[in-house]
Amino acid sequence: MFGLPRNHVLPVKELRHEIELDDNISILALLALRKLLHFAEDYIQVLQDKLKSSNEKPNKRESIEKGSDQE
């Protein structure tokens, strides 16, 4: 539809106007929420890894200063 893989489409139904909940629909909503939370957790982990790796790499100035100290 929009170029998204089928496993990235999460079916969700608005249950605000429902008088009685259908367990099958509720389970789909909870499974969709779980998948959404897993995607969010993975995304945050990737951002944290990128931030950590960028902080661990010394910049050129630090490398030069450290190299001059070793002589």
N, C-alpha and C. Protein backbone atom coordinates (compact mmCIF):
# COMPACT_ATOMS: atom_id res chain seq x y z
N MET A 1 0.82 -1.19 0.00
CA MET A 1 0.00 0.00 0.00
C MET A 1 0.87 1.26 0.00
N PHE A 2 1.65 1.46 1.03
CA PHE A 2 2.55 2.61 1.11
C PHE A 2 4.01 2.18 1.03
N GLY A 3 4.25 0.97 0.57
CA GLY A 3 5.59 0.45 0.49
C GLY A 3 6.07 -0.16 1.80
N LEU A 4 5.16 -0.39 2.73
CA LEU A 4 5.52 -1.00 4.00
C LEU A 4 5.37 -2.51 3.91
N PRO A 5 6.29 -3.25 4.52
CA PRO A 5 6.12 -4.69 4.58
C PRO A 5 4.88 -5.04 5.41
N ARG A 6 4.23 -6.13 5.07
CA ARG A 6 3.01 -6.53 5.78
C ARG A 6 3.22 -6.69 7.28
N ASN A 7 4.41 -7.16 7.68
CA ASN A 7 4.64 -7.38 9.11
C ASN A 7 4.86 -6.07 9.87
N HIS A 8 4.90 -4.94 9.18
CA HIS A 8 5.01 -3.63 9.84
C HIS A 8 3.65 -2.93 9.94
N VAL A 9 2.60 -3.55 9.41
CA VAL A 9 1.25 -2.99 9.49
C VAL A 9 0.56 -3.62 10.70
N LEU A 10 0.15 -2.78 11.63
CA LEU A 10 -0.44 -3.27 12.87
C LEU A 10 -1.94 -2.97 12.87
N PRO A 11 -2.79 -4.01 12.79
CA PRO A 11 -4.23 -3.76 12.78
C PRO A 11 -4.73 -3.37 14.17
N VAL A 12 -5.38 -2.23 14.26
CA VAL A 12 -5.90 -1.75 15.54
C VAL A 12 -7.30 -1.22 15.30
N LYS A 13 -8.19 -1.53 16.23
CA LYS A 13 -9.57 -1.07 16.14
C LYS A 13 -9.84 -0.18 17.34
N GLU A 14 -10.52 0.93 17.12
CA GLU A 14 -10.88 1.80 18.23
C GLU A 14 -12.01 1.16 19.02
N LEU A 15 -11.78 0.96 20.31
CA LEU A 15 -12.74 0.25 21.14
C LEU A 15 -13.54 1.18 22.05
N ARG A 16 -13.42 2.46 21.86
CA ARG A 16 -14.07 3.42 22.74
C ARG A 16 -15.59 3.30 22.71
N HIS A 17 -16.17 2.99 21.55
CA HIS A 17 -17.62 2.95 21.42
C HIS A 17 -18.20 1.55 21.56
N GLU A 18 -17.37 0.57 21.85
CA GLU A 18 -17.83 -0.80 22.00
C GLU A 18 -18.49 -0.98 23.36
N ILE A 19 -19.63 -1.64 23.38
CA ILE A 19 -20.31 -1.92 24.66
C ILE A 19 -19.72 -3.18 25.28
N GLU A 20 -19.57 -4.22 24.47
CA GLU A 20 -18.95 -5.46 24.93
C GLU A 20 -17.70 -5.71 24.11
N LEU A 21 -16.64 -6.08 24.78
CA LEU A 21 -15.38 -6.33 24.09
C LEU A 21 -15.35 -7.74 23.54
N ASP A 22 -14.84 -7.85 22.34
CA ASP A 22 -14.61 -9.16 21.72
C ASP A 22 -13.17 -9.56 22.06
N ASP A 23 -13.01 -10.69 22.74
CA ASP A 23 -11.69 -11.12 23.18
C ASP A 23 -10.72 -11.25 22.01
N ASN A 24 -11.19 -11.72 20.87
CA ASN A 24 -10.31 -11.87 19.70
C ASN A 24 -9.78 -10.52 19.23
N ILE A 25 -10.62 -9.51 19.23
CA ILE A 25 -10.19 -8.17 18.83
C ILE A 25 -9.24 -7.58 19.87
N SER A 26 -9.55 -7.79 21.15
CA SER A 26 -8.70 -7.27 22.22
C SER A 26 -7.31 -7.87 22.15
N ILE A 27 -7.25 -9.15 21.85
CA ILE A 27 -5.95 -9.82 21.74
C ILE A 27 -5.16 -9.24 20.58
N LEU A 28 -5.82 -8.99 19.45
CA LEU A 28 -5.12 -8.36 18.31
C LEU A 28 -4.57 -7.00 18.69
N ALA A 29 -5.35 -6.22 19.42
CA ALA A 29 -4.88 -4.89 19.84
C ALA A 29 -3.68 -5.01 20.77
N LEU A 30 -3.73 -5.96 21.70
CA LEU A 30 -2.60 -6.14 22.62
C LEU A 30 -1.36 -6.64 21.89
N LEU A 31 -1.54 -7.54 20.93
CA LEU A 31 -0.40 -8.01 20.14
C LEU A 31 0.21 -6.88 19.32
N ALA A 32 -0.64 -6.02 18.77
CA ALA A 32 -0.16 -4.87 18.01
C ALA A 32 0.62 -3.92 18.92
N LEU A 33 0.10 -3.71 20.12
CA LEU A 33 0.79 -2.85 21.09
C LEU A 33 2.14 -3.45 21.48
N ARG A 34 2.17 -4.75 21.70
CA ARG A 34 3.44 -5.41 22.05
C ARG A 34 4.46 -5.23 20.93
N LYS A 35 4.02 -5.42 19.69
CA LYS A 35 4.93 -5.29 18.55
C LYS A 35 5.43 -3.84 18.43
N LEU A 36 4.53 -2.90 18.64
CA LEU A 36 4.91 -1.49 18.59
C LEU A 36 5.95 -1.18 19.66
N LEU A 37 5.78 -1.71 20.86
CA LEU A 37 6.75 -1.49 21.94
C LEU A 37 8.10 -2.14 21.62
N HIS A 38 8.08 -3.30 20.97
CA HIS A 38 9.34 -3.94 20.58
C HIS A 38 10.07 -3.09 19.55
N PHE A 39 9.33 -2.54 18.58
CA PHE A 39 9.95 -1.66 17.58
C PHE A 39 10.55 -0.44 18.25
N ALA A 40 9.83 0.15 19.19
CA ALA A 40 10.32 1.33 19.89
C ALA A 40 11.58 1.00 20.70
N GLU A 41 11.57 -0.14 21.37
CA GLU A 41 12.73 -0.56 22.16
C GLU A 41 13.95 -0.77 21.26
N ASP A 42 13.75 -1.42 20.12
CA ASP A 42 14.85 -1.63 19.17
C ASP A 42 15.39 -0.31 18.66
N TYR A 43 14.50 0.63 18.35
CA TYR A 43 14.90 1.93 17.84
C TYR A 43 15.74 2.68 18.88
N ILE A 44 15.29 2.67 20.12
CA ILE A 44 16.03 3.35 21.19
C ILE A 44 17.38 2.69 21.40
N GLN A 45 17.44 1.37 21.32
CA GLN A 45 18.71 0.65 21.48
C GLN A 45 19.69 1.04 20.39
N VAL A 46 19.22 1.15 19.15
CA VAL A 46 20.08 1.56 18.04
C VAL A 46 20.61 2.97 18.28
N LEU A 47 19.73 3.88 18.72
CA LEU A 47 20.18 5.25 19.01
C LEU A 47 21.21 5.28 20.13
N GLN A 48 21.00 4.49 21.18
CA GLN A 48 21.96 4.44 22.28
C GLN A 48 23.30 3.87 21.81
N ASP A 49 23.27 2.84 20.97
CA ASP A 49 24.51 2.27 20.45
C ASP A 49 25.26 3.27 19.60
N LYS A 50 24.55 4.02 18.76
CA LYS A 50 25.19 5.04 17.92
C LYS A 50 25.81 6.12 18.79
N LEU A 51 25.09 6.55 19.81
CA LEU A 51 25.59 7.59 20.71
C LEU A 51 26.82 7.09 21.46
N LYS A 52 26.77 5.86 21.92
CA LYS A 52 27.90 5.29 22.66
C LYS A 52 29.13 5.18 21.76
N SER A 53 28.94 4.70 20.53
CA SER A 53 30.08 4.54 19.62
C SER A 53 30.64 5.89 19.19
N SER A 54 29.81 6.90 19.05
CA SER A 54 30.33 8.23 18.68
C SER A 54 31.08 8.87 19.84
N ASN A 55 30.71 8.56 21.07
CA ASN A 55 31.41 9.09 22.24
C ASN A 55 32.71 8.36 22.51
N GLU A 56 32.83 7.12 22.08
CA GLU A 56 34.04 6.35 22.31
C GLU A 56 35.14 6.66 21.32
N LYS A 57 34.81 7.15 20.15
CA LYS A 57 35.81 7.46 19.14
C LYS A 57 36.50 8.77 19.49
N PRO A 58 37.81 8.76 19.68
CA PRO A 58 38.49 10.03 19.96
C PRO A 58 38.56 10.88 18.69
N ASN A 59 38.44 12.17 18.87
CA ASN A 59 38.55 13.02 17.68
C ASN A 59 40.03 13.20 17.32
N LYS A 60 40.31 13.79 16.20
CA LYS A 60 41.68 13.90 15.70
C LYS A 60 42.57 14.67 16.67
N ARG A 61 42.03 15.72 17.27
CA ARG A 61 42.83 16.54 18.18
C ARG A 61 43.28 15.73 19.39
N GLU A 62 42.35 14.93 19.96
CA GLU A 62 42.71 14.10 21.11
C GLU A 62 43.76 13.07 20.71
N SER A 63 43.65 12.51 19.51
CA SER A 63 44.62 11.51 19.03
C SER A 63 46.00 12.13 18.89
N ILE A 64 46.06 13.33 18.36
CA ILE A 64 47.34 14.03 18.16
C ILE A 64 47.97 14.35 19.51
N GLU A 65 47.14 14.86 20.45
CA GLU A 65 47.64 15.20 21.77
C GLU A 65 48.16 13.96 22.50
N LYS A 66 47.46 12.86 22.41
CA LYS A 66 47.89 11.63 23.06
C LYS A 66 49.17 11.11 22.41
N GLY A 67 49.26 11.24 21.09
CA GLY A 67 50.45 10.78 20.38
C GLY A 67 51.67 11.57 20.76
N SER A 68 51.54 12.87 20.97
CA SER A 68 52.66 13.71 21.34
C SER A 68 53.11 13.45 22.76
N ASP A 69 52.20 12.99 23.62
CA ASP A 69 52.55 12.68 24.99
C ASP A 69 53.38 11.41 25.08
N GLN A 70 53.19 10.51 24.13
CA GLN A 70 53.87 9.23 24.19
C GLN A 70 55.31 9.32 23.72
N GLU A 71 55.70 10.37 23.07
CA GLU A 71 57.07 10.49 22.53
C GLU A 71 58.09 10.78 23.57
